[in-house]
Amino acid sequence: MPMAIAFSFAQSTLFSKSPLFFHINGFRSFAFSTSAVVSWDKLRRQKWRQPVASVLELGGVKMAKDDVVRDDPTNNVPDTIFSKIGMQLHRRDRHPIGILKNAIYNYFDTTYPDKFDKFDDLCPVVSVKANFDDVLVPEDHVSRSYNDTYYVDPQTVLRCHTSAHQAELLRKGHTHFLVTGDVYRRDSIDSTHYPVFHQMEGVRVFTPDDWEPSDVDGTSYAAEDLKKCLEGLARHLFGAVEMRWIDTYFPFTNPSFELEIYFQEKWLEVLGCGVTEQEILKRSGKTNNVAWAFGLGLERLAMVLFDIPDIRLFWSTDERFTSQFSEGQLGVKFKPFSKFPPCYKDMSFWINDSFTENNLCEVVRGIAGDLAEEVQLIDNFTNKKGMTSHCYRIVYRSMERSLTDEEINDLQWKVREQVQHKLNVVLR
């Protein structure tokens, strides 16, 4: 069951409504390709181009740059995304993402001793089948588009959610497991969206021996157990908060729910979840079972728990940020350091039928990197000839220093050049 795809604040899981499924309150969500984990040996044997010097090591396995970024017409993974693959913020015990992951682990270890298997080093390069087909994402769904997903080749992607590993783990016999990892989506540029973020998915499988003594059907039994588990997790993370369950729809669970908590004087969506569709279990060889699954976005929750105002900060190496957090200290409130001034640059152009905002954001990120704070559509109109013009405001700001007029003008000039060249638009 897909779980790592929701995204209501800063990226979440399969359980939410966003690019993969819808768009909620300006925030995003998502879902996932033969084997969930692609063989590195197979990738390395494919001679797409001469090996490059850049090599990452993940879980003891070395990965060359040309395993991910290739001179292939279907490859849309930029160098900036490859550079993030080896950083694995979720495996750093003194980083807010790692601290939150360990706090969730602690809850499951305490509540279900020796029950849940944990995976946080699975390869982020997965097959299209694992990322989409195995979690029942329709073939014509927008999330499969090259505008939304990073493709290594036509059959391989950077996982869009941790649910990409669910089917393989079920086939291998795992019945209780948590999967944490970095996931990748082409997305907007603002304070709560980033093309790389982190998700956690949880799955629990039941046998008839579990629910038959309770005199309720398997689906009702799993739903009740799921709610009890996740209410306990919410209290573990947020304290004695008011909660409510919202009935919703996901193609991979039935029934499906969203959990909201009343926190800091407003209702906050925490995660999406549900009882796994039987088709997913059937394909994994578990025809007599029922299961539940949930998915949550770690950045989304960490921004709330640690009072972190901008998602780019998670990637900062500035000691003024990193020194504020300690292993095991959940919810330490971030103390902002100097707020450097923003610089605004507007750009107008006539769009074509193939234009998408995600492609524009990829161009801006490729040039400005994390200096791009926001890309916002501020005006659009269609003239009498049927031509449509968009005007975008790009906000440049460093989290660590003041930018000079010279470097901002240079960035904007390069952005204009590349937007015209790569997106085939006409600047105004």
Protein backbone atom coordinates (compact mmCIF):
# COMPACT_ATOMS: atom_id res chain seq x y z
CA MET A 1 0.00 0.00 0.00
CA PRO A 2 1.39 3.27 -0.91
CA MET A 3 2.07 5.41 1.87
CA ALA A 4 4.74 7.79 1.36
CA ILE A 5 3.15 10.34 -0.83
CA ALA A 6 1.20 12.92 1.00
CA PHE A 7 2.16 16.52 1.23
CA SER A 8 0.17 19.17 2.92
CA PHE A 9 2.81 21.42 4.28
CA ALA A 10 6.20 20.50 3.09
CA GLN A 11 5.91 17.12 1.46
CA SER A 12 4.41 13.99 2.83
CA THR A 13 3.24 10.70 1.25
CA LEU A 14 1.17 8.62 -1.03
CA PHE A 15 -1.36 9.38 1.63
CA SER A 16 -2.33 12.91 0.78
CA LYS A 17 -3.62 14.87 -2.06
CA SER A 18 -0.99 16.46 -4.23
CA PRO A 19 0.93 16.17 -7.47
CA LEU A 20 0.42 12.53 -7.35
CA PHE A 21 -3.06 12.89 -6.30
CA PHE A 22 -4.22 16.37 -5.85
CA HIS A 23 -3.05 19.71 -4.54
CA ILE A 24 -3.98 20.67 -0.98
CA ASN A 25 -3.67 24.18 0.45
CA GLY A 26 -0.75 24.95 -1.80
CA PHE A 27 1.19 21.94 -0.55
CA ARG A 28 1.95 18.58 -2.10
CA SER A 29 1.53 14.77 -1.88
CA PHE A 30 2.43 11.61 -3.88
CA ALA A 31 2.76 7.80 -4.59
CA PHE A 32 5.25 4.87 -6.65
CA SER A 33 8.27 0.72 -10.39
CA THR A 34 10.02 -4.82 -11.44
CA SER A 35 12.00 -4.63 -8.36
CA ALA A 36 11.64 -1.85 -5.86
CA VAL A 37 15.38 -1.63 -5.52
CA VAL A 38 17.30 -1.50 -8.77
CA SER A 39 20.49 -3.55 -8.94
CA TRP A 40 23.49 -1.28 -8.75
CA ASP A 41 25.57 -3.79 -10.73
CA LYS A 42 23.02 -3.65 -13.52
CA LEU A 43 23.05 0.13 -13.50
CA ARG A 44 26.82 0.30 -13.54
CA ARG A 45 27.09 -2.13 -16.50
CA GLN A 46 25.01 0.18 -18.67
CA LYS A 47 27.56 2.24 -20.64
CA TRP A 48 25.66 5.44 -21.15
CA ARG A 49 28.84 7.54 -21.13
CA GLN A 50 32.31 7.58 -19.71
CA PRO A 51 32.35 7.30 -15.90
CA VAL A 52 32.77 10.55 -14.05
CA ALA A 53 34.78 11.17 -10.94
CA SER A 54 31.82 11.95 -8.74
CA VAL A 55 30.94 8.87 -6.67
CA LEU A 56 28.56 8.46 -3.76
CA GLU A 57 28.41 5.66 -1.24
CA LEU A 58 25.00 4.53 0.00
CA GLY A 59 24.62 1.73 2.47
CA GLY A 60 28.08 0.49 1.58
CA VAL A 61 27.34 0.54 -2.18
CA LYS A 62 29.17 2.96 -4.42
CA MET A 63 27.19 4.79 -7.07
CA ALA A 64 28.75 6.78 -9.90
CA LYS A 65 27.21 9.92 -11.26
CA ASP A 66 26.38 8.23 -14.56
CA ASP A 67 24.22 5.73 -12.69
CA VAL A 68 21.77 8.61 -12.25
CA VAL A 69 22.67 11.52 -14.55
CA ARG A 70 23.07 10.32 -18.13
CA ASP A 71 23.41 11.62 -21.67
CA ASP A 72 20.13 9.97 -22.56
CA PRO A 73 17.16 11.86 -24.06
CA THR A 74 14.79 10.53 -21.39
CA ASN A 75 17.01 11.48 -18.44
CA ASN A 76 15.88 14.62 -16.62
CA VAL A 77 17.97 14.37 -13.43
CA PRO A 78 20.19 17.45 -13.01
CA ASP A 79 23.55 17.51 -11.26
CA THR A 80 22.01 19.46 -8.38
CA ILE A 81 19.70 16.53 -7.60
CA PHE A 82 22.48 13.93 -7.87
CA SER A 83 24.52 15.93 -5.36
CA LYS A 84 21.76 15.48 -2.75
CA ILE A 85 21.46 11.68 -3.03
CA GLY A 86 24.34 10.85 -0.71
CA MET A 87 23.44 13.34 2.03
CA GLN A 88 20.78 11.16 3.73
CA LEU A 89 19.66 13.66 6.34
CA HIS A 90 17.39 11.02 7.87
CA ARG A 91 20.43 9.03 9.00
CA ARG A 92 22.03 11.94 10.91
CA ASP A 93 21.21 11.65 14.60
CA ARG A 94 21.86 15.35 15.33
CA HIS A 95 19.82 16.67 12.41
CA PRO A 96 16.12 17.57 12.88
CA ILE A 97 15.09 14.97 10.28
CA GLY A 98 17.14 12.25 11.97
CA ILE A 99 15.99 13.29 15.43
CA LEU A 100 12.34 13.04 14.34
CA LYS A 101 12.91 9.67 12.66
CA ASN A 102 14.49 8.29 15.84
CA ALA A 103 11.63 9.63 17.95
CA ILE A 104 9.15 7.73 15.79
CA TYR A 105 11.35 4.62 16.01
CA ASN A 106 11.31 4.99 19.79
CA TYR A 107 7.53 5.00 19.83
CA PHE A 108 7.28 1.82 17.77
CA ASP A 109 10.05 0.08 19.76
CA THR A 110 8.26 0.89 23.01
CA THR A 111 4.72 0.14 21.85
CA TYR A 112 5.53 -2.92 19.72
CA PRO A 113 8.79 -4.41 21.11
CA ASP A 114 10.81 -6.34 18.52
CA LYS A 115 7.91 -6.15 16.08
CA PHE A 116 8.73 -3.64 13.35
CA ASP A 117 11.63 -4.07 10.93
CA LYS A 118 13.26 -0.77 10.02
CA PHE A 119 14.77 0.20 6.67
CA ASP A 120 16.49 3.54 6.09
CA ASP A 121 19.22 2.71 3.58
CA LEU A 122 17.27 1.38 0.58
CA CYS A 123 18.46 2.58 -2.82
CA PRO A 124 16.51 5.63 -4.10
CA VAL A 125 16.78 4.43 -7.71
CA VAL A 126 13.72 2.25 -8.35
CA SER A 127 11.78 0.85 -11.27
CA VAL A 128 8.71 2.52 -12.71
CA LYS A 129 6.80 -0.61 -11.75
CA ALA A 130 7.74 -0.30 -8.08
CA ASN A 131 7.18 3.43 -7.98
CA PHE A 132 3.78 3.44 -9.68
CA ASP A 133 2.34 0.12 -10.82
CA ASP A 134 2.78 -1.81 -7.58
CA VAL A 135 0.78 0.79 -5.69
CA LEU A 136 -2.01 0.98 -8.25
CA VAL A 137 -1.20 4.37 -9.75
CA PRO A 138 -3.10 4.58 -13.08
CA GLU A 139 -1.01 4.55 -16.25
CA ASP A 140 -2.37 7.93 -17.33
CA HIS A 141 -1.85 9.60 -13.97
CA VAL A 142 -0.16 13.00 -14.04
CA SER A 143 2.42 11.91 -11.45
CA ARG A 144 4.07 9.68 -14.07
CA SER A 145 4.84 12.73 -16.20
CA TYR A 146 8.41 13.87 -16.85
CA ASN A 147 7.21 17.21 -15.51
CA ASP A 148 6.63 15.69 -12.06
CA THR A 149 9.12 12.82 -11.71
CA TYR A 150 12.89 12.44 -12.18
CA TYR A 151 13.55 9.71 -14.74
CA VAL A 152 16.91 7.95 -15.01
CA ASP A 153 15.65 6.14 -18.11
CA PRO A 154 12.17 5.12 -19.36
CA GLN A 155 11.96 2.21 -16.88
CA THR A 156 13.78 3.77 -13.90
CA VAL A 157 13.13 6.76 -11.65
CA LEU A 158 14.30 8.39 -8.47
CA ARG A 159 11.64 7.24 -6.03
CA CYS A 160 8.83 9.71 -5.50
CA HIS A 161 7.84 8.14 -2.19
CA THR A 162 8.99 5.41 0.18
CA SER A 163 6.00 3.31 -0.86
CA ALA A 164 8.19 2.31 -3.81
CA HIS A 165 9.62 -0.43 -1.57
CA GLN A 166 6.39 -1.73 -0.11
CA ALA A 167 5.59 -4.51 -2.58
CA GLU A 168 9.11 -5.96 -2.54
CA LEU A 169 9.24 -6.02 1.26
CA LEU A 170 5.84 -7.73 1.40
CA ARG A 171 7.00 -10.33 -1.14
CA LYS A 172 10.08 -10.97 0.97
CA GLY A 173 7.89 -11.84 3.92
CA HIS A 174 8.07 -8.70 6.03
CA THR A 175 4.78 -8.12 7.86
CA HIS A 176 5.63 -5.20 10.16
CA PHE A 177 8.00 -2.55 8.80
CA LEU A 178 8.96 1.11 8.65
CA VAL A 179 10.70 2.55 5.59
CA THR A 180 12.42 5.93 5.79
CA GLY A 181 14.24 7.64 2.97
CA ASP A 182 14.91 10.61 0.75
CA VAL A 183 12.41 11.02 -2.07
CA TYR A 184 12.48 13.16 -5.20
CA ARG A 185 9.91 15.24 -7.06
CA ARG A 186 10.06 18.08 -9.52
CA ASP A 187 8.19 20.76 -7.66
CA SER A 188 7.52 24.40 -6.92
CA ILE A 189 9.97 26.79 -5.31
CA ASP A 190 8.80 28.27 -2.02
CA SER A 191 9.41 27.94 1.73
CA THR A 192 7.67 24.54 2.02
CA HIS A 193 8.65 22.81 -1.24
CA TYR A 194 11.98 21.29 -2.21
CA PRO A 195 12.80 18.71 -4.90
CA VAL A 196 14.28 16.39 -2.27
CA PHE A 197 12.53 15.57 0.99
CA HIS A 198 12.08 12.68 3.40
CA GLN A 199 9.22 10.32 4.11
CA MET A 200 8.38 7.44 6.41
CA GLU A 201 5.97 4.66 5.62
CA GLY A 202 4.63 2.08 8.03
CA VAL A 203 2.93 -1.24 7.22
CA ARG A 204 1.37 -3.90 9.44
CA VAL A 205 -0.09 -7.17 8.13
CA PHE A 206 -2.67 -9.27 10.03
CA THR A 207 -3.69 -12.93 9.73
CA PRO A 208 -7.17 -14.38 10.41
CA ASP A 209 -5.88 -15.50 13.82
CA ASP A 210 -5.57 -11.81 14.74
CA TRP A 211 -9.09 -10.64 13.95
CA GLU A 212 -11.34 -13.73 14.16
CA PRO A 213 -11.42 -13.87 18.00
CA SER A 214 -12.64 -10.24 18.07
CA ASP A 215 -15.91 -11.00 16.28
CA VAL A 216 -15.29 -8.21 13.73
CA ASP A 217 -14.23 -8.49 10.12
CA GLY A 218 -10.59 -8.09 9.14
CA THR A 219 -11.02 -4.64 7.61
CA SER A 220 -12.71 -3.21 10.72
CA TYR A 221 -10.10 -4.82 12.96
CA ALA A 222 -7.21 -3.34 10.93
CA ALA A 223 -8.82 0.13 10.81
CA GLU A 224 -9.33 0.19 14.58
CA ASP A 225 -5.76 -0.97 15.24
CA LEU A 226 -4.41 1.62 12.79
CA LYS A 227 -6.19 4.51 14.50
CA LYS A 228 -5.06 3.38 17.94
CA CYS A 229 -1.45 3.14 16.74
CA LEU A 230 -1.37 6.55 15.08
CA GLU A 231 -3.18 8.38 17.87
CA GLY A 232 -0.47 7.07 20.17
CA LEU A 233 2.21 8.29 17.76
CA ALA A 234 0.64 11.77 17.61
CA ARG A 235 0.62 12.00 21.42
CA HIS A 236 4.24 10.81 21.50
CA LEU A 237 5.31 13.61 19.17
CA PHE A 238 2.96 16.47 20.08
CA GLY A 239 1.72 15.73 23.61
CA ALA A 240 -1.89 15.62 24.78
CA VAL A 241 -3.43 17.24 21.71
CA GLU A 242 -7.00 17.13 20.41
CA MET A 243 -7.32 14.88 17.34
CA ARG A 244 -9.86 14.13 14.65
CA TRP A 245 -10.12 11.60 11.83
CA ILE A 246 -11.17 12.68 8.34
CA ASP A 247 -12.55 10.13 5.89
CA THR A 248 -10.84 10.52 2.55
CA TYR A 249 -9.97 8.64 -0.63
CA PHE A 250 -6.73 7.04 -1.77
CA PRO A 251 -6.57 4.52 -4.62
CA PHE A 252 -4.40 2.16 -2.57
CA THR A 253 -6.39 1.98 0.68
CA ASN A 254 -10.02 1.40 1.53
CA PRO A 255 -11.18 2.77 3.89
CA SER A 256 -8.80 5.73 3.95
CA PHE A 257 -8.24 8.40 6.59
CA GLU A 258 -6.31 11.56 7.41
CA LEU A 259 -5.33 12.35 10.98
CA GLU A 260 -5.47 15.98 12.08
CA ILE A 261 -4.37 17.43 15.41
CA TYR A 262 -5.18 20.78 16.99
CA PHE A 263 -1.76 22.29 17.49
CA GLN A 264 -0.68 25.89 18.01
CA GLU A 265 -4.30 27.05 17.65
CA LYS A 266 -4.99 25.44 14.29
CA TRP A 267 -5.80 22.07 12.79
CA LEU A 268 -2.77 20.38 11.27
CA GLU A 269 -2.87 17.38 8.97
CA VAL A 270 -0.32 14.91 10.32
CA LEU A 271 -0.51 11.96 7.95
CA GLY A 272 -2.58 9.84 5.58
CA CYS A 273 -3.38 6.18 6.12
CA GLY A 274 -5.84 3.38 5.52
CA VAL A 275 -6.52 -0.32 5.15
CA THR A 276 -4.48 -1.69 2.24
CA GLU A 277 -6.34 -2.53 -0.95
CA GLN A 278 -6.59 -6.32 -1.26
CA GLU A 279 -5.16 -6.18 -4.80
CA ILE A 280 -1.82 -5.00 -3.41
CA LEU A 281 -1.70 -7.85 -0.89
CA LYS A 282 -2.84 -10.36 -3.51
CA ARG A 283 -0.02 -9.40 -5.86
CA SER A 284 2.40 -9.86 -2.97
CA GLY A 285 1.18 -13.37 -2.21
CA LYS A 286 -0.89 -12.46 0.86
CA THR A 287 -4.39 -13.41 -0.24
CA ASN A 288 -5.72 -14.30 3.23
CA ASN A 289 -4.42 -11.23 5.01
CA VAL A 290 -5.45 -7.67 5.72
CA ALA A 291 -3.05 -4.81 6.40
CA TRP A 292 -2.84 -1.17 7.26
CA ALA A 293 -0.39 1.42 6.07
CA PHE A 294 0.43 5.05 6.80
CA GLY A 295 2.73 7.63 5.32
CA LEU A 296 4.09 10.91 6.62
CA GLY A 297 6.46 13.64 5.50
CA LEU A 298 9.30 14.25 7.92
CA GLU A 299 10.01 17.82 6.79
CA ARG A 300 6.36 18.71 7.23
CA LEU A 301 6.35 17.60 10.86
CA ALA A 302 9.88 18.80 11.65
CA MET A 303 9.08 22.32 10.46
CA VAL A 304 6.24 22.42 13.00
CA LEU A 305 8.01 20.67 15.88
CA PHE A 306 11.26 22.64 15.57
CA ASP A 307 9.77 25.96 14.32
CA ILE A 308 11.85 25.86 11.15
CA PRO A 309 10.45 28.50 8.76
CA ASP A 310 12.11 27.54 5.46
CA ILE A 311 12.61 24.04 4.07
CA ARG A 312 15.98 25.02 2.58
CA LEU A 313 17.39 25.27 6.11
CA PHE A 314 17.37 21.47 6.45
CA TRP A 315 20.17 21.37 3.87
CA SER A 316 22.26 24.11 5.47
CA THR A 317 25.75 23.31 6.73
CA ASP A 318 25.97 26.66 8.55
CA GLU A 319 26.95 25.99 12.17
CA ARG A 320 24.44 28.61 13.29
CA PHE A 321 21.82 26.10 12.17
CA THR A 322 23.44 22.72 12.77
CA SER A 323 24.72 23.52 16.27
CA GLN A 324 21.19 24.17 17.57
CA PHE A 325 20.16 20.50 17.52
CA SER A 326 21.27 17.52 19.61
CA GLU A 327 20.64 13.80 19.42
CA GLY A 328 17.42 12.79 21.12
CA GLN A 329 16.20 16.36 21.66
CA LEU A 330 12.86 16.48 19.88
CA GLY A 331 11.17 19.83 19.46
CA VAL A 332 14.04 22.18 20.34
CA LYS A 333 12.85 25.49 18.87
CA PHE A 334 15.00 26.91 16.11
CA LYS A 335 16.42 30.36 16.85
CA PRO A 336 16.68 32.38 13.63
CA PHE A 337 20.00 33.96 12.88
CA SER A 338 20.41 37.11 10.81
CA LYS A 339 17.68 37.53 8.20
CA PHE A 340 19.37 38.60 5.01
CA PRO A 341 17.46 40.83 2.58
CA PRO A 342 15.62 39.34 -0.38
CA CYS A 343 16.00 40.55 -3.95
CA TYR A 344 13.05 40.47 -6.35
CA LYS A 345 13.38 40.00 -10.09
CA ASP A 346 10.42 39.79 -12.48
CA MET A 347 10.41 38.02 -15.81
CA SER A 348 7.63 38.00 -18.44
CA PHE A 349 7.32 35.76 -21.48
CA TRP A 350 4.84 34.32 -23.95
CA ILE A 351 4.30 30.64 -23.11
CA ASN A 352 3.76 27.72 -25.47
CA ASP A 353 1.55 24.62 -25.14
CA SER A 354 4.34 22.56 -23.56
CA PHE A 355 5.20 25.10 -20.85
CA THR A 356 4.88 23.97 -17.20
CA GLU A 357 5.78 25.81 -14.02
CA ASN A 358 7.75 22.79 -12.78
CA ASN A 359 10.04 23.05 -15.80
CA LEU A 360 10.56 26.75 -15.09
CA CYS A 361 11.46 25.96 -11.48
CA GLU A 362 13.96 23.32 -12.61
CA VAL A 363 15.71 25.92 -14.78
CA VAL A 364 15.84 28.41 -11.90
CA ARG A 365 17.13 25.77 -9.46
CA GLY A 366 19.75 24.63 -11.95
CA ILE A 367 21.23 28.12 -12.05
CA ALA A 368 20.51 29.65 -8.65
CA GLY A 369 20.35 26.51 -6.48
CA ASP A 370 19.25 27.28 -2.92
CA LEU A 371 19.61 31.01 -3.54
CA ALA A 372 16.17 30.82 -5.17
CA GLU A 373 13.67 31.30 -2.35
CA GLU A 374 10.46 31.50 -4.34
CA VAL A 375 9.10 31.51 -7.88
CA GLN A 376 5.60 32.99 -8.00
CA LEU A 377 3.21 33.68 -10.87
CA ILE A 378 2.13 37.29 -10.34
CA ASP A 379 0.32 38.03 -13.61
CA ASN A 380 -1.02 36.31 -16.70
CA PHE A 381 -3.20 37.34 -19.62
CA THR A 382 -4.20 36.18 -23.10
CA ASN A 383 -4.22 38.67 -25.98
CA LYS A 384 -6.63 38.90 -28.89
CA LYS A 385 -4.42 36.57 -30.95
CA GLY A 386 -4.76 33.85 -28.31
CA MET A 387 -1.19 34.19 -27.04
CA THR A 388 -0.76 33.81 -23.27
CA SER A 389 1.80 35.74 -21.25
CA HIS A 390 3.03 34.85 -17.77
CA CYS A 391 4.95 37.11 -15.42
CA TYR A 392 6.92 35.38 -12.65
CA ARG A 393 8.57 36.99 -9.65
CA ILE A 394 11.78 35.26 -8.57
CA VAL A 395 12.91 35.91 -5.01
CA TYR A 396 16.63 35.46 -4.43
CA ARG A 397 17.91 35.20 -0.87
CA SER A 398 20.79 33.44 0.82
CA MET A 399 20.22 31.83 4.21
CA GLU A 400 23.79 32.66 5.20
CA ARG A 401 24.92 35.99 3.72
CA SER A 402 23.87 39.10 1.83
CA LEU A 403 23.85 38.76 -1.93
CA THR A 404 25.48 41.44 -4.07
CA ASP A 405 23.71 43.26 -6.89
CA GLU A 406 26.31 41.94 -9.29
CA GLU A 407 25.74 38.26 -8.52
CA ILE A 408 21.93 38.64 -8.50
CA ASN A 409 21.97 40.37 -11.87
CA ASP A 410 24.26 37.67 -13.20
CA LEU A 411 21.92 34.93 -11.94
CA GLN A 412 18.88 36.62 -13.45
CA TRP A 413 20.60 37.08 -16.80
CA LYS A 414 21.50 33.39 -16.92
CA VAL A 415 17.96 32.42 -15.89
CA ARG A 416 16.50 34.52 -18.73
CA GLU A 417 18.88 32.95 -21.24
CA GLN A 418 18.13 29.39 -20.13
CA VAL A 419 14.37 29.93 -19.87
CA GLN A 420 14.29 31.14 -23.46
CA HIS A 421 16.61 28.38 -24.67
CA LYS A 422 15.29 25.36 -22.75
CA LEU A 423 11.60 26.20 -22.49
CA ASN A 424 11.24 27.70 -25.97
CA VAL A 425 9.34 30.75 -24.74
CA VAL A 426 9.50 34.32 -26.04
CA LEU A 427 10.72 36.86 -23.50
CA ARG A 428 8.90 40.15 -23.27
